Amino acid sequence: MTQLIVDIADMKISDNPADTLITYSLGSCLGVAIYDPVLRLGAMVHCMLPLSKVDKEKAKIRPYMFVDTGLQQMLTKLYESGMRKARAVVNVAGGSQVLDSQGVFKIGERNFTVLRKILWKNGLLMNAQEVGGNKSRTVSLEIATGRFYIKSGGKTIYYDLP
């Protein structure tokens, strides 16, 4: 089995059943995994900020840094690879207040709000979500099975395909 690490402001896509996509240390960032069980095709993005309009030049260079541009580009790549909207399984984690315990900036909450709007506009529903709170999470997606894992606080939970 090969682990493909999704760095901060990065995205990976795979249809290799030996691959597992993984991203670490999701605080206020969002980790979004989308999987097509027929094609056994999956992708994961690690987004830091909600909207690219805060730095349009940076968004051109690093689109996955932002939820709006990163998710849209990931969806485009998945559709180009043959994914069908009706089969898409969306799993999400992160959006916490790890470094913002007073809730001043609410970056995690804003990230999740933008994500929900984009999913709604694209006619996609979430299969699983673990967002908010004040803990860091690591998530992974097995390409062979579509199983989505969330590790946090020494515990691991997983979600199978619906």
Protein backbone atom coordinates (compact mmCIF):
# COMPACT_ATOMS: atom_id res chain seq x y z
CA MET A 1 0.00 0.00 0.00
CA THR A 2 1.28 3.47 -0.93
CA GLN A 3 0.46 6.59 1.06
CA LEU A 4 0.07 9.73 -1.03
CA ILE A 5 0.50 12.68 1.31
CA VAL A 6 -1.70 15.67 0.64
CA ASP A 7 0.22 18.66 1.95
CA ILE A 8 -1.32 21.91 3.12
CA ALA A 9 -2.78 23.79 0.13
CA ASP A 10 -2.44 20.64 -2.00
CA MET A 11 -4.63 18.06 -3.76
CA LYS A 12 -4.02 14.49 -4.87
CA ILE A 13 -6.13 12.26 -7.10
CA SER A 14 -5.78 8.51 -7.66
CA ASP A 15 -7.43 5.49 -9.21
CA ASN A 16 -4.73 3.08 -8.02
CA PRO A 17 -6.26 0.59 -5.54
CA ALA A 18 -2.92 0.35 -3.73
CA ASP A 19 -3.03 4.06 -2.80
CA THR A 20 -4.25 5.74 0.34
CA LEU A 21 -4.60 9.52 0.32
CA ILE A 22 -3.73 11.10 3.66
CA THR A 23 -3.48 14.60 5.09
CA TYR A 24 -2.23 15.54 8.53
CA SER A 25 -2.95 18.16 11.17
CA LEU A 26 -6.26 19.59 10.08
CA GLY A 27 -7.01 22.40 12.48
CA SER A 28 -9.05 25.21 11.00
CA CYS A 29 -8.15 23.80 7.57
CA LEU A 30 -10.56 21.47 5.78
CA GLY A 31 -9.76 18.06 4.40
CA VAL A 32 -12.25 17.08 1.71
CA ALA A 33 -12.24 13.61 0.15
CA ILE A 34 -14.43 12.71 -2.82
CA TYR A 35 -14.73 9.15 -4.10
CA ASP A 36 -16.43 7.44 -7.04
CA PRO A 37 -17.04 3.80 -6.01
CA VAL A 38 -17.66 2.57 -9.57
CA LEU A 39 -14.37 3.90 -10.93
CA ARG A 40 -12.55 3.51 -7.60
CA LEU A 41 -11.37 7.04 -8.15
CA GLY A 42 -10.68 9.37 -5.26
CA ALA A 43 -9.25 12.77 -4.51
CA MET A 44 -8.40 14.75 -1.40
CA VAL A 45 -7.72 18.44 -0.90
CA HIS A 46 -6.32 20.30 2.14
CA CYS A 47 -7.59 23.91 2.11
CA MET A 48 -6.51 26.64 4.53
CA LEU A 49 -8.73 29.63 3.84
CA PRO A 50 -12.32 30.08 2.65
CA LEU A 51 -12.17 32.57 -0.21
CA SER A 52 -9.53 33.27 -2.84
CA LYS A 53 -10.56 36.91 -3.19
CA VAL A 54 -8.27 37.78 -0.25
CA ASP A 55 -5.26 37.14 -2.52
CA LYS A 56 -6.15 36.50 -6.15
CA GLU A 57 -2.50 36.28 -7.23
CA LYS A 58 -1.74 33.60 -4.63
CA ALA A 59 -4.90 31.76 -5.68
CA LYS A 60 -3.56 31.54 -9.24
CA ILE A 61 -0.32 29.99 -7.99
CA ARG A 62 -1.79 27.85 -5.17
CA PRO A 63 -5.51 27.33 -5.86
CA TYR A 64 -5.80 24.52 -3.31
CA MET A 65 -5.01 26.96 -0.51
CA PHE A 66 -8.58 28.24 -0.73
CA VAL A 67 -11.82 26.31 -0.36
CA ASP A 68 -13.56 28.05 -3.26
CA THR A 69 -10.83 27.57 -5.89
CA GLY A 70 -9.41 24.33 -4.48
CA LEU A 71 -12.67 22.42 -4.31
CA GLN A 72 -13.77 23.62 -7.73
CA GLN A 73 -10.47 22.54 -9.32
CA MET A 74 -10.63 19.17 -7.57
CA LEU A 75 -14.17 18.60 -8.86
CA THR A 76 -13.10 19.56 -12.38
CA LYS A 77 -10.23 17.04 -12.30
CA LEU A 78 -12.53 14.31 -10.97
CA TYR A 79 -15.16 14.96 -13.65
CA GLU A 80 -12.45 14.99 -16.34
CA SER A 81 -11.35 11.58 -15.01
CA GLY A 82 -14.85 10.17 -15.45
CA MET A 83 -16.52 10.67 -12.07
CA ARG A 84 -20.28 11.07 -12.16
CA LYS A 85 -22.01 13.43 -9.73
CA ALA A 86 -24.62 10.83 -8.78
CA ARG A 87 -21.90 8.46 -7.54
CA ALA A 88 -19.74 11.01 -5.69
CA VAL A 89 -19.20 10.24 -2.01
CA VAL A 90 -18.05 13.35 -0.13
CA ASN A 91 -16.36 13.18 3.28
CA VAL A 92 -15.13 16.21 5.23
CA ALA A 93 -13.11 16.86 8.38
CA GLY A 94 -11.41 19.82 10.05
CA GLY A 95 -12.74 23.32 10.47
CA SER A 96 -11.87 23.50 14.15
CA GLN A 97 -10.71 26.38 16.33
CA VAL A 98 -7.35 24.97 17.42
CA LEU A 99 -5.42 28.26 17.33
CA ASP A 100 -8.44 30.54 17.68
CA SER A 101 -9.97 29.34 20.95
CA GLN A 102 -11.83 32.64 21.44
CA GLY A 103 -13.46 32.34 18.02
CA VAL A 104 -12.23 35.73 16.83
CA PHE A 105 -11.41 34.81 13.23
CA LYS A 106 -13.68 31.78 12.85
CA ILE A 107 -11.61 30.52 9.92
CA GLY A 108 -12.67 26.91 10.43
CA GLU A 109 -16.33 27.84 10.56
CA ARG A 110 -16.00 30.07 7.49
CA ASN A 111 -14.15 27.30 5.61
CA PHE A 112 -17.00 24.90 6.28
CA THR A 113 -19.66 27.46 5.29
CA VAL A 114 -17.99 28.06 1.91
CA LEU A 115 -17.61 24.30 1.40
CA ARG A 116 -21.31 23.69 2.03
CA LYS A 117 -22.29 26.42 -0.44
CA ILE A 118 -20.05 24.98 -3.15
CA LEU A 119 -21.36 21.45 -2.57
CA TRP A 120 -24.95 22.74 -2.68
CA LYS A 121 -24.32 24.64 -5.93
CA ASN A 122 -22.86 21.46 -7.43
CA GLY A 123 -25.71 19.23 -6.24
CA LEU A 124 -23.44 17.19 -3.94
CA LEU A 125 -24.24 15.90 -0.45
CA MET A 126 -21.86 14.95 2.35
CA ASN A 127 -21.65 11.32 3.37
CA ALA A 128 -19.69 12.05 6.54
CA GLN A 129 -18.47 15.13 8.33
CA GLU A 130 -16.50 15.77 11.46
CA VAL A 131 -15.94 19.49 11.74
CA GLY A 132 -15.63 22.15 14.41
CA GLY A 133 -14.55 21.77 17.98
CA ASN A 134 -11.00 22.47 19.07
CA LYS A 135 -9.04 19.40 18.03
CA SER A 136 -6.67 18.57 15.22
CA ARG A 137 -7.46 15.70 12.87
CA THR A 138 -5.68 13.47 10.36
CA VAL A 139 -7.76 11.95 7.59
CA SER A 140 -7.19 9.29 4.97
CA LEU A 141 -9.06 7.74 2.06
CA GLU A 142 -8.42 4.18 0.84
CA ILE A 143 -8.78 4.06 -2.92
CA ALA A 144 -9.48 0.30 -3.02
CA THR A 145 -12.46 0.49 -0.63
CA GLY A 146 -13.53 4.14 -0.39
CA ARG A 147 -13.20 3.90 3.39
CA PHE A 148 -12.59 7.31 5.01
CA TYR A 149 -10.63 7.43 8.29
CA ILE A 150 -10.44 10.23 10.85
CA LYS A 151 -7.77 10.12 13.56
CA SER A 152 -7.99 12.51 16.48
CA GLY A 153 -7.01 12.40 20.13
CA GLY A 154 -5.59 8.89 19.82
CA LYS A 155 -8.83 7.48 18.39
CA THR A 156 -9.68 6.43 14.86
CA ILE A 157 -13.15 6.31 13.39
CA TYR A 158 -14.03 5.33 9.86
CA TYR A 159 -16.86 5.69 7.41
CA ASP A 160 -17.65 3.11 4.77
CA LEU A 161 -19.45 3.84 1.54
CA PRO A 162 -23.17 4.55 1.96
